[in-house]
Protein backbone atom coordinates (compact mmCIF):
# COMPACT_ATOMS: atom_id res chain seq x y z
CA MET A 1 -0.01 0.03 -0.07
CA ASN A 2 1.22 3.53 -0.76
CA ALA A 3 2.92 4.94 2.27
CA SER A 4 0.87 8.29 1.69
CA ARG A 5 -2.18 6.76 2.35
CA ALA A 6 -3.13 5.03 5.45
CA PRO A 7 -6.68 2.95 5.52
CA ARG A 8 -8.84 3.33 8.43
CA PRO A 9 -11.87 1.18 9.26
CA ALA A 10 -15.00 1.86 7.33
CA GLY A 11 -17.45 1.07 10.28
CA GLY A 12 -18.40 1.90 13.50
CA SER A 13 -19.37 5.74 13.40
CA ARG A 14 -23.10 6.81 14.29
CA PRO A 15 -24.43 9.20 12.05
CA ARG A 16 -25.91 12.67 13.41
CA VAL A 17 -29.58 12.14 12.06
CA ARG A 18 -32.57 14.31 13.72
CA THR A 19 -35.96 13.67 12.54
CA ARG A 20 -39.38 15.15 12.17
CA SER A 21 -39.15 18.81 12.64
CA ARG A 22 -35.51 18.79 13.14
CA THR A 23 -32.75 19.27 10.45
CA VAL A 24 -30.98 16.10 8.95
CA ARG A 25 -27.45 16.88 9.18
CA LEU A 26 -25.37 14.11 7.50
CA ALA A 27 -21.96 15.00 5.42
CA LEU A 28 -22.59 13.04 2.25
CA PRO A 29 -20.11 13.11 -0.90
CA LEU A 30 -21.75 13.90 -3.80
CA THR A 31 -20.97 12.31 -7.56
CA ALA A 32 -21.64 14.87 -10.41
CA VAL A 33 -21.88 13.28 -13.74
CA ALA A 34 -21.40 15.72 -16.47
CA CYS A 35 -23.12 14.59 -19.63
CA SER A 36 -22.52 16.42 -23.09
CA GLY A 37 -24.64 16.75 -26.03
CA ALA A 38 -24.11 17.54 -29.91
CA LEU A 39 -26.34 20.52 -31.03
CA LEU A 40 -26.74 20.48 -34.98
CA ALA A 41 -27.18 23.64 -36.78
CA GLY A 42 -28.57 23.94 -40.36
CA CYS A 43 -31.68 23.52 -42.42
CA SER A 44 -32.43 20.17 -44.30
CA GLU A 45 -29.01 19.07 -43.91
CA GLY A 46 -28.65 19.57 -40.29
CA ALA A 47 -32.35 17.81 -39.92
CA THR A 48 -30.82 15.00 -42.01
CA ALA A 49 -27.82 14.48 -39.78
CA ALA A 50 -29.88 15.00 -36.66
CA ARG A 51 -32.14 11.91 -37.61
CA THR A 52 -29.01 9.83 -38.94
CA SER A 53 -27.32 10.75 -35.51
CA GLY A 54 -30.72 9.64 -33.68
CA GLU A 55 -30.66 6.40 -35.68
CA GLN A 56 -27.18 5.88 -34.33
CA ALA A 57 -27.97 6.64 -30.84
CA ALA A 58 -30.59 4.01 -30.43
CA PRO A 59 -28.24 1.02 -29.79
CA ALA A 60 -26.41 2.98 -27.07
CA ARG A 61 -29.67 3.80 -25.49
CA ALA A 62 -30.53 0.31 -25.35
CA ASP A 63 -27.09 -0.95 -24.23
CA ALA A 64 -27.61 1.59 -21.36
CA SER A 65 -30.91 0.27 -20.42
CA ASP A 66 -29.73 -3.12 -20.46
CA LEU A 67 -26.75 -2.21 -18.11
CA GLN A 68 -29.06 -0.61 -15.60
CA SER A 69 -31.66 -3.69 -15.92
CA ASP A 70 -28.42 -5.49 -14.94
CA TYR A 71 -27.62 -3.10 -12.20
CA GLN A 72 -31.17 -3.66 -10.61
CA LYS A 73 -31.35 -7.44 -11.00
CA VAL A 74 -28.34 -7.55 -8.79
CA ILE A 75 -29.57 -5.09 -6.37
CA ASP A 76 -32.82 -6.91 -6.14
CA ASP A 77 -30.59 -10.40 -5.82
CA VAL A 78 -28.35 -9.27 -3.07
CA LEU A 79 -29.71 -6.22 -1.04
CA PRO A 80 -32.14 -8.77 1.08
CA SER A 81 -28.88 -10.03 2.24
CA VAL A 82 -27.49 -7.20 3.59
CA VAL A 83 -28.39 -6.16 7.05
CA GLN A 84 -27.34 -3.12 9.35
CA ILE A 85 -25.83 -3.93 12.62
CA ASP A 86 -26.31 -1.66 15.58
CA ALA A 87 -23.50 -2.31 18.17
CA ALA A 88 -22.60 -0.52 21.26
CA ASP A 89 -19.99 1.52 19.45
CA GLY A 90 -21.94 2.35 16.18
CA LEU A 91 -23.37 1.07 13.21
CA GLY A 92 -22.13 -1.22 10.67
CA SER A 93 -23.39 -3.87 8.14
CA GLY A 94 -23.43 -7.84 7.84
CA VAL A 95 -24.02 -10.37 4.96
CA VAL A 96 -26.66 -13.12 5.97
CA TYR A 97 -24.42 -16.11 5.96
CA ASP A 98 -26.95 -19.21 5.96
CA ASP A 99 -30.84 -19.59 6.92
CA LYS A 100 -30.06 -20.32 10.50
CA GLY A 101 -29.72 -16.66 11.39
CA HIS A 102 -25.50 -16.27 10.94
CA ILE A 103 -24.44 -13.38 9.77
CA VAL A 104 -20.67 -12.40 8.91
CA THR A 105 -19.06 -9.16 9.47
CA ASN A 106 -16.16 -7.39 10.64
CA ALA A 107 -14.36 -7.82 14.10
CA HIS A 108 -14.27 -4.10 14.26
CA VAL A 109 -17.93 -3.78 13.62
CA VAL A 110 -19.09 -5.85 16.87
CA GLY A 111 -15.94 -4.43 18.89
CA LYS A 112 -16.16 -5.71 22.21
CA GLY A 113 -19.84 -6.23 22.07
CA ARG A 114 -21.74 -9.19 22.85
CA THR A 115 -25.32 -8.80 21.78
CA PHE A 116 -26.65 -6.38 19.07
CA LYS A 117 -29.60 -5.31 17.20
CA VAL A 118 -29.91 -6.08 13.32
CA THR A 119 -32.28 -4.70 10.99
CA ALA A 120 -32.87 -7.41 8.39
CA ALA A 121 -34.56 -6.76 5.13
CA VAL A 122 -37.05 -9.30 5.97
CA GLY A 123 -39.82 -7.49 8.05
CA GLU A 124 -37.44 -4.57 8.32
CA HIS A 125 -37.37 -4.09 11.83
CA GLU A 126 -34.70 -4.96 14.50
CA LEU A 127 -33.61 -8.25 15.58
CA PRO A 128 -31.59 -9.32 18.58
CA ALA A 129 -28.69 -11.11 17.71
CA LYS A 130 -25.61 -12.62 19.71
CA LEU A 131 -22.09 -12.79 19.04
CA VAL A 132 -20.65 -16.31 17.93
CA SER A 133 -17.09 -15.45 17.69
CA SER A 134 -14.61 -12.46 16.71
CA TYR A 135 -11.56 -13.21 14.82
CA PRO A 136 -9.69 -9.77 14.75
CA ASP A 137 -6.54 -10.99 13.11
CA GLN A 138 -8.49 -11.30 9.98
CA ASP A 139 -10.72 -8.61 11.11
CA LEU A 140 -14.01 -10.91 10.78
CA ALA A 141 -16.66 -11.92 13.10
CA VAL A 142 -20.17 -14.04 12.92
CA VAL A 143 -23.23 -12.82 14.85
CA LYS A 144 -26.53 -15.15 15.33
CA LEU A 145 -30.03 -13.69 15.00
CA ASP A 146 -31.94 -15.02 18.21
CA LYS A 147 -34.84 -15.86 16.22
CA PRO A 148 -34.26 -15.97 12.38
CA PRO A 149 -37.42 -14.89 10.51
CA ALA A 150 -38.98 -16.93 7.86
CA GLY A 151 -37.82 -16.06 4.52
CA LEU A 152 -34.29 -15.20 5.43
CA LYS A 153 -32.02 -14.97 2.11
CA PRO A 154 -28.33 -16.22 2.61
CA ALA A 155 -25.92 -14.43 0.22
CA LYS A 156 -24.17 -16.51 -2.16
CA PHE A 157 -20.63 -16.19 -1.99
CA GLY A 158 -18.48 -16.18 -5.17
CA ASP A 159 -14.75 -17.06 -6.23
CA SER A 160 -12.84 -13.87 -5.23
CA THR A 161 -9.66 -15.49 -7.25
CA LYS A 162 -11.65 -14.47 -10.49
CA ALA A 163 -11.95 -10.88 -9.19
CA ALA A 164 -10.05 -9.07 -12.04
CA VAL A 165 -8.97 -5.16 -12.58
CA GLY A 166 -11.97 -3.20 -14.18
CA GLN A 167 -14.95 -5.64 -13.29
CA ILE A 168 -17.67 -3.60 -12.13
CA VAL A 169 -18.72 -4.06 -8.47
CA LEU A 170 -21.33 -2.61 -6.22
CA ALA A 171 -20.59 -1.87 -2.71
CA MET A 172 -24.22 -2.42 -0.33
CA GLY A 173 -24.42 -1.42 3.34
CA SER A 174 -25.41 1.15 5.39
CA PRO A 175 -23.03 4.10 5.37
CA LEU A 176 -23.74 6.73 7.63
CA GLY A 177 -26.79 4.66 8.88
CA LEU A 178 -28.29 5.13 5.54
CA SER A 179 -29.69 1.29 5.18
CA SER A 180 -29.73 -0.52 2.10
CA SER A 181 -27.44 1.98 0.27
CA VAL A 182 -25.52 0.82 -2.93
CA THR A 183 -22.52 2.29 -4.47
CA GLN A 184 -20.83 1.54 -7.74
CA GLY A 185 -17.33 1.00 -9.36
CA ILE A 186 -14.87 -1.23 -10.43
CA VAL A 187 -12.06 -3.55 -8.97
CA SER A 188 -8.96 -1.07 -9.08
CA ALA A 189 -6.20 -3.72 -8.01
CA THR A 190 -6.43 -7.16 -6.54
CA GLY A 191 -3.64 -8.88 -3.85
CA ARG A 192 -3.29 -5.88 -1.86
CA THR A 193 -1.64 -6.35 1.62
CA VAL A 194 -3.24 -3.72 3.79
CA SER A 195 -2.39 -2.84 7.52
CA GLU A 196 -5.48 -1.73 9.54
CA GLY A 197 -4.68 1.02 12.28
CA ARG A 198 -6.12 0.58 15.61
CA ALA A 199 -7.52 4.24 15.96
CA GLY A 200 -10.97 4.49 15.22
CA GLY A 201 -12.03 1.13 16.33
CA GLY A 202 -9.61 -0.95 13.96
CA THR A 203 -8.34 -3.86 15.13
CA GLY A 204 -4.76 -3.51 13.66
CA ALA A 205 -4.86 -6.48 11.63
CA THR A 206 -2.69 -6.92 8.40
CA ILE A 207 -4.86 -8.73 5.73
CA ALA A 208 -3.40 -9.81 2.50
CA ASN A 209 -4.75 -10.47 -0.82
CA MET A 210 -7.46 -7.79 -0.22
CA ILE A 211 -9.69 -6.36 -3.05
CA GLN A 212 -9.31 -2.60 -3.95
CA THR A 213 -12.12 -0.80 -5.25
CA SER A 214 -13.34 2.38 -6.56
CA ALA A 215 -16.80 2.07 -5.31
CA ALA A 216 -17.43 4.40 -2.36
CA ILE A 217 -16.84 2.78 1.24
CA ASN A 218 -17.61 5.02 4.14
CA PRO A 219 -18.41 4.76 7.72
CA GLY A 220 -21.08 2.21 8.09
CA ASN A 221 -20.45 0.00 4.90
CA SER A 222 -18.10 -2.14 6.63
CA GLY A 223 -19.24 -5.79 6.95
CA GLY A 224 -21.58 -5.12 4.04
CA ALA A 225 -21.21 -6.80 0.60
CA LEU A 226 -19.05 -5.98 -2.51
CA VAL A 227 -21.07 -7.61 -5.21
CA ASN A 228 -19.97 -8.73 -8.77
CA MET A 229 -22.50 -8.70 -11.70
CA ASP A 230 -23.44 -12.12 -11.24
CA SER A 231 -25.11 -11.10 -7.79
CA GLU A 232 -22.09 -12.99 -6.10
CA VAL A 233 -20.26 -11.31 -3.21
CA VAL A 234 -16.66 -11.11 -3.58
CA GLY A 235 -15.58 -9.38 -0.45
CA ILE A 236 -16.65 -7.62 2.69
CA PRO A 237 -15.82 -3.98 2.41
CA THR A 238 -13.68 -3.15 5.23
CA LEU A 239 -11.15 -0.03 4.93
CA ALA A 240 -11.17 3.33 3.32
CA ALA A 241 -8.00 4.77 2.84
CA THR A 242 -6.98 7.85 3.92
CA ASP A 243 -4.44 10.42 3.14
CA PRO A 244 -2.18 12.14 6.06
CA GLN A 245 -1.10 15.02 3.79
CA MET A 246 -4.98 15.89 3.87
CA GLY A 247 -5.43 15.73 7.58
CA ASP A 248 -6.45 11.80 7.27
CA SER A 249 -9.72 12.71 5.28
CA ALA A 250 -10.83 10.14 3.03
CA ALA A 251 -8.89 9.35 -0.47
CA PRO A 252 -11.85 9.41 -2.90
CA GLY A 253 -12.04 5.87 -4.85
CA ILE A 254 -9.80 3.88 -2.69
CA GLY A 255 -11.43 1.27 -0.41
CA PHE A 256 -10.74 -2.42 0.29
CA ALA A 257 -12.49 -5.32 0.78
CA ILE A 258 -11.63 -8.89 2.38
CA PRO A 259 -11.67 -11.37 -0.20
CA ALA A 260 -14.68 -13.89 -0.28
CA SER A 261 -12.45 -16.89 0.09
CA MET A 262 -11.01 -15.89 3.50
CA VAL A 263 -14.56 -14.63 4.25
CA LYS A 264 -15.85 -18.38 3.71
CA THR A 265 -13.26 -20.05 5.34
CA VAL A 266 -13.28 -18.14 8.66
CA ALA A 267 -16.94 -18.03 8.74
CA TYR A 268 -17.24 -21.75 8.36
CA GLN A 269 -14.93 -22.47 11.08
CA ILE A 270 -16.90 -20.19 13.48
CA VAL A 271 -20.27 -21.40 12.52
CA LYS A 272 -19.05 -25.21 12.84
CA ASN A 273 -16.74 -24.71 15.57
CA GLY A 274 -17.57 -21.75 17.49
CA LYS A 275 -14.10 -20.44 16.63
CA VAL A 276 -11.36 -20.20 14.11
CA THR A 277 -9.27 -23.48 14.60
CA ASP A 278 -6.85 -23.26 11.34
CA SER A 279 -5.85 -19.60 10.46
CA GLY A 280 -4.54 -20.22 7.45
CA ARG A 281 -1.68 -17.56 8.28
CA ALA A 282 1.89 -17.93 8.45
CA GLY A 283 3.68 -16.83 11.62
CA LEU A 284 7.45 -16.76 13.34
CA ASN A 285 5.29 -17.77 16.68
CA ILE A 286 7.31 -14.66 18.61
CA THR A 287 6.26 -11.65 20.62
CA GLY A 288 8.43 -8.70 19.42
CA ARG A 289 8.37 -4.99 19.44
CA THR A 290 9.49 -2.33 17.01
CA VAL A 291 13.15 -0.70 17.80
CA VAL A 292 14.85 2.39 16.65
CA ASP A 293 18.24 3.29 15.35
CA GLU A 294 20.58 6.34 16.48
CA ASP A 295 18.48 8.70 14.45
CA PHE A 296 15.07 7.37 16.18
CA LYS A 297 14.05 5.76 13.09
CA PRO A 298 12.40 2.13 13.08
CA ALA A 299 15.06 -0.12 12.29
CA GLY A 300 13.82 -3.61 12.98
CA VAL A 301 11.73 -6.03 15.50
CA THR A 302 13.47 -7.32 18.18
CA VAL A 303 12.21 -10.79 19.77
CA VAL A 304 10.94 -10.06 23.03
CA GLU A 305 10.13 -13.99 22.99
CA ALA A 306 10.55 -16.89 20.87
CA GLU A 307 7.93 -19.47 21.60
CA LYS A 308 9.35 -22.64 22.46
CA GLY A 309 8.99 -25.55 19.64
CA GLY A 310 7.82 -22.48 17.43
CA ALA A 311 9.00 -21.65 13.91
CA ALA A 312 11.60 -19.05 15.07
CA ASP A 313 12.68 -21.16 17.96
CA LYS A 314 13.33 -24.23 15.71
CA ALA A 315 15.48 -21.91 13.58
CA GLY A 316 17.64 -20.71 16.25
CA ILE A 317 16.11 -17.27 16.52
CA ARG A 318 16.12 -16.01 20.62
CA ALA A 319 15.08 -13.33 22.26
CA GLY A 320 17.18 -10.39 22.31
CA ASP A 321 17.83 -10.89 18.13
CA VAL A 322 16.63 -8.17 15.84
CA ILE A 323 14.69 -9.11 12.99
CA THR A 324 15.34 -6.91 9.61
CA GLU A 325 14.47 -8.97 6.56
CA VAL A 326 11.87 -11.83 5.70
CA GLY A 327 12.64 -13.11 2.14
CA ASP A 328 13.29 -9.82 0.18
CA ASP A 329 11.33 -7.85 2.26
CA PRO A 330 13.04 -5.21 4.63
CA VAL A 331 11.59 -5.33 8.11
CA THR A 332 11.57 -2.03 10.52
CA THR A 333 8.32 -2.14 12.11
CA ILE A 334 5.91 -5.02 13.70
CA THR A 335 3.69 -3.87 10.80
CA SER A 336 6.08 -4.45 8.20
CA LEU A 337 7.01 -7.75 9.79
CA SER A 338 3.39 -8.86 9.51
CA GLU A 339 2.93 -7.31 6.01
CA ALA A 340 6.17 -9.81 4.88
CA LEU A 341 4.53 -12.82 6.61
CA ALA A 342 1.01 -12.03 5.17
CA THR A 343 1.78 -13.48 1.66
CA GLN A 344 3.50 -16.87 3.00
CA GLN A 345 1.94 -19.94 3.87
CA PRO A 346 2.12 -21.91 7.45
CA GLY A 347 4.81 -24.69 6.54
CA GLY A 348 6.54 -22.87 3.89
CA LYS A 349 10.17 -21.70 4.04
CA VAL A 350 11.68 -18.25 4.00
CA GLN A 351 14.79 -16.62 4.83
CA VAL A 352 14.87 -14.49 7.84
CA THR A 353 17.92 -11.81 8.68
CA TYR A 354 18.38 -10.84 11.98
CA THR A 355 21.00 -9.19 13.89
CA ARG A 356 22.78 -10.83 17.14
CA GLY A 357 25.19 -7.90 18.80
CA ASP A 358 27.40 -6.81 16.04
CA SER A 359 26.81 -9.81 13.74
CA ASP A 360 24.19 -10.34 10.87
CA LYS A 361 22.77 -13.79 10.36
CA THR A 362 20.28 -15.70 7.79
CA VAL A 363 18.61 -18.75 8.66
CA ASP A 364 15.98 -20.73 6.85
CA VAL A 365 12.73 -20.79 8.72
CA THR A 366 10.03 -23.17 8.39
CA LEU A 367 6.75 -21.25 9.11
CA GLY A 368 4.22 -21.89 11.63
CA ASP A 369 0.60 -20.40 11.89
CA ILE A 370 -0.97 -17.65 13.99
């Protein structure tokens, strides 16, 4: 991720809405679409040209109508499977996982809460729900409705590995508390490794293989659905990029979604076992902290503790060593270490460079899991 843009969770804030005679004060981003048309001047020749232009424009209008119909079909298919979650710290979104009332969302949406109010498309009234389990390392969680209503519609999760740059996607959720909202964009990049801050309720997770999208993701969209034109959920919108040079304001058109493949893996384990039993994520099995050099700049991760029998311990890395590189990736902070490991697999081998005293050492480490 570009260092000039630090992502922030896109959920958890509660909008300032006043009803009835009071004013509604919502800071909503507006999109202006500029349409240009051609004016033809002249007498008979101009009229002929106008008719010709109209005849040529007809297929274009038909195509636009077809695209609009496609959009509306996707919205009709998927929006009933997207819910609003009212947690103690604010509002977020969720996606219906099955007809038993399980709903997948972001860990930062549920926060430390145990009970929630869910507004489902079915019946459009609040339903009580309880936390099944939260997995902050991947910023995912599952809650379950106490009494699932009849007609609850599970979403269809697609193959996120097929997400391609330029693919049209729709983001569905409750941005700023505006339930059942839809924004449109494209997949603008894939395979992003993004570190989530802890400010604003973030979990601090480093998440690999995220889908980058230009579809607007605003506070409240977190936990909702990023949907392709086949009415399949390909990701869970989670982060909106911010630009520190603009006072950490949102960077328009840069949002990130957890891929459906990871969502399905985590949700399946939580629903089946009540917790995540296999993270599928590589780790060194250490406790570490960022260290700085003489100029007070981050210079590596010192090992505070190497878990006995863990990946680092088996490779001979011990407390006091300072890790400076994993594979070809330089390591200067805990975050950069997490990012370097996020693309690796448990059981895989990687070279780790570290400093012990005045000596630099490199060892092959067989990675464990977290």
